[in-house]
Amino acid sequence: MIDVPREDIVVMLEAGYIYLAMKRFKEARTLFEGICELAPKHDVPLVAVANVYFAMAKYIEAIRVLKNTIKYNPKSAFAHAHLGEALLFYGKRDDAKEILEKASQLEPDKSGQSGEFARSLIELINLGYDPLKYKKIFKEVVKEQREKAKTS
């Protein structure tokens, strides 16, 4: 393993997230996977790889990466929270809620961002949020708007 200063890894992660924001998924994934080689079994770059798949709506791949991340680091509230999110968007609400509860337990204090993220997703689930349902509604609305635009 090559010893890379933490600051350099942080800069590479930031570059990967810039690629992700630009929807340059291949470059982002390649960069994040390279960071995984430099920092094997560390949860941050592994979750970043999963975030690329999530952004591409490849939820099964994101879930697979996140489950493997949790095998390496079972106490990672960060990985649990993102796994819960991916499960929710894949339509596995009950599984998502269970994993999000685990993330919340791993990081129960208010200062932990992953625990707070998990609790906010749990609150959305409790309020009836269903991303698959809203995606379907959104598609219907877009279709209706296009049909109206054609007839106008």
Protein backbone atom coordinates (compact mmCIF):
# COMPACT_ATOMS: atom_id res chain seq x y z
CA MET A 1 0.00 0.00 0.00
CA ILE A 2 1.21 3.49 -0.84
CA ASP A 3 1.26 5.92 2.06
CA VAL A 4 -0.71 8.95 0.86
CA PRO A 5 -1.23 11.98 3.09
CA ARG A 6 -4.80 12.38 4.33
CA GLU A 7 -5.03 15.86 2.79
CA ASP A 8 -4.29 14.41 -0.66
CA ILE A 9 -7.03 11.81 -0.26
CA VAL A 10 -9.47 14.54 0.79
CA VAL A 11 -8.60 16.55 -2.34
CA MET A 12 -9.10 13.47 -4.53
CA LEU A 13 -12.48 12.81 -2.87
CA GLU A 14 -13.51 16.40 -3.53
CA ALA A 15 -12.47 16.05 -7.17
CA GLY A 16 -14.54 12.88 -7.42
CA TYR A 17 -17.58 14.66 -6.05
CA ILE A 18 -17.05 17.47 -8.55
CA TYR A 19 -17.12 14.88 -11.34
CA LEU A 20 -20.26 13.41 -9.77
CA ALA A 21 -21.95 16.83 -9.67
CA MET A 22 -21.04 17.27 -13.34
CA LYS A 23 -22.65 13.86 -14.06
CA ARG A 24 -19.33 12.53 -15.26
CA PHE A 25 -20.04 9.22 -13.61
CA LYS A 26 -17.27 7.17 -15.19
CA GLU A 27 -14.58 9.62 -14.08
CA ALA A 28 -16.06 9.90 -10.58
CA ARG A 29 -16.26 6.14 -10.13
CA THR A 30 -12.75 5.62 -11.46
CA LEU A 31 -11.36 8.23 -9.08
CA PHE A 32 -13.26 6.86 -6.08
CA GLU A 33 -12.21 3.30 -6.89
CA GLY A 34 -8.60 4.48 -7.06
CA ILE A 35 -8.96 6.06 -3.64
CA CYS A 36 -10.34 2.74 -2.37
CA GLU A 37 -7.06 1.15 -3.45
CA LEU A 38 -5.13 3.78 -1.49
CA ALA A 39 -7.37 3.47 1.58
CA PRO A 40 -8.68 -0.11 1.46
CA LYS A 41 -11.73 -0.93 3.53
CA HIS A 42 -12.20 2.69 4.56
CA ASP A 43 -15.88 3.58 4.45
CA VAL A 44 -15.70 7.08 2.91
CA PRO A 45 -14.38 6.19 -0.58
CA LEU A 46 -16.50 3.03 -0.68
CA VAL A 47 -19.64 5.04 0.09
CA ALA A 48 -18.53 7.49 -2.60
CA VAL A 49 -18.47 4.64 -5.15
CA ALA A 50 -21.98 3.70 -4.03
CA ASN A 51 -23.05 7.34 -4.40
CA VAL A 52 -22.06 7.21 -8.07
CA TYR A 53 -24.31 4.21 -8.61
CA PHE A 54 -27.08 5.91 -6.60
CA ALA A 55 -26.82 9.05 -8.74
CA MET A 56 -27.19 6.85 -11.82
CA ALA A 57 -30.28 5.20 -10.25
CA LYS A 58 -28.42 1.88 -10.17
CA TYR A 59 -29.71 1.10 -6.71
CA ILE A 60 -28.86 -2.62 -6.70
CA GLU A 61 -25.19 -1.83 -7.37
CA ALA A 62 -25.20 0.89 -4.70
CA ILE A 63 -26.77 -1.52 -2.21
CA ARG A 64 -24.18 -4.19 -3.01
CA VAL A 65 -21.27 -1.78 -2.46
CA LEU A 66 -22.78 -0.46 0.76
CA LYS A 67 -23.44 -3.93 2.18
CA ASN A 68 -19.80 -4.83 1.48
CA THR A 69 -18.71 -1.60 3.13
CA ILE A 70 -20.66 -2.54 6.24
CA LYS A 71 -18.95 -5.95 6.26
CA TYR A 72 -15.60 -4.12 6.47
CA ASN A 73 -16.83 -1.51 8.92
CA PRO A 74 -19.98 -2.68 10.75
CA LYS A 75 -19.98 0.37 13.03
CA SER A 76 -20.11 2.90 10.19
CA ALA A 77 -23.20 5.05 10.67
CA PHE A 78 -22.18 6.72 7.39
CA ALA A 79 -22.45 3.48 5.39
CA HIS A 80 -25.65 2.41 7.17
CA ALA A 81 -27.35 5.75 6.48
CA HIS A 82 -26.50 5.60 2.78
CA LEU A 83 -27.57 1.96 2.58
CA GLY A 84 -30.91 2.93 4.12
CA GLU A 85 -31.30 5.70 1.55
CA ALA A 86 -30.49 3.33 -1.35
CA LEU A 87 -32.94 0.73 -0.02
CA LEU A 88 -35.64 3.38 0.28
CA PHE A 89 -35.17 4.51 -3.31
CA TYR A 90 -35.13 0.88 -4.44
CA GLY A 91 -38.55 0.42 -2.87
CA LYS A 92 -37.54 -1.56 0.22
CA ARG A 93 -39.10 0.79 2.79
CA ASP A 94 -39.15 -1.66 5.72
CA ASP A 95 -35.54 -2.73 5.15
CA ALA A 96 -34.55 0.90 4.72
CA LYS A 97 -36.17 1.90 8.00
CA GLU A 98 -34.44 -0.94 9.85
CA ILE A 99 -31.01 0.05 8.49
CA LEU A 100 -31.68 3.74 9.17
CA GLU A 101 -32.59 2.91 12.78
CA LYS A 102 -29.24 1.11 13.04
CA ALA A 103 -27.43 4.18 11.66
CA SER A 104 -29.24 6.35 14.19
CA GLN A 105 -28.22 4.01 17.02
CA LEU A 106 -24.60 4.01 15.84
CA GLU A 107 -24.55 7.80 15.93
CA PRO A 108 -27.19 8.89 18.47
CA ASP A 109 -25.88 12.34 19.28
CA LYS A 110 -26.99 15.46 17.42
CA SER A 111 -23.46 16.29 16.29
CA GLY A 112 -23.20 13.26 14.02
CA GLN A 113 -24.24 14.05 10.45
CA SER A 114 -24.86 10.44 9.46
CA GLY A 115 -27.16 9.81 12.40
CA GLU A 116 -29.03 13.04 11.68
CA PHE A 117 -29.33 12.10 8.00
CA ALA A 118 -30.73 8.69 8.99
CA ARG A 119 -33.22 10.24 11.41
CA SER A 120 -34.40 12.70 8.76
CA LEU A 121 -35.01 9.84 6.33
CA ILE A 122 -36.89 7.90 9.03
CA GLU A 123 -39.06 10.97 9.59
CA LEU A 124 -39.80 11.18 5.86
CA ILE A 125 -40.74 7.49 5.79
CA ASN A 126 -43.02 8.01 8.79
CA LEU A 127 -44.68 10.90 6.93
CA GLY A 128 -45.40 8.56 4.02
CA TYR A 129 -42.58 9.54 1.66
CA ASP A 130 -42.26 7.01 -1.13
CA PRO A 131 -39.74 7.92 -3.84
CA LEU A 132 -41.09 5.32 -6.26
CA LYS A 133 -44.61 6.71 -5.92
CA TYR A 134 -43.41 10.28 -6.44
CA LYS A 135 -41.31 9.28 -9.42
CA LYS A 136 -44.38 7.73 -11.03
CA ILE A 137 -46.47 10.83 -10.32
CA PHE A 138 -43.71 13.06 -11.70
CA LYS A 139 -43.57 11.05 -14.93
CA GLU A 140 -47.35 11.33 -15.32
CA VAL A 141 -47.26 15.10 -14.78
CA VAL A 142 -44.44 15.52 -17.30
CA LYS A 143 -46.36 13.40 -19.81
CA GLU A 144 -49.49 15.51 -19.30
CA GLN A 145 -47.49 18.74 -19.71
CA ARG A 146 -45.97 17.47 -22.96
CA GLU A 147 -49.39 16.51 -24.29
CA LYS A 148 -50.77 19.94 -23.38
CA ALA A 149 -47.81 21.61 -25.08
CA LYS A 150 -48.46 19.61 -28.27
CA THR A 151 -52.09 20.69 -28.41
CA SER A 152 -51.33 24.35 -27.66
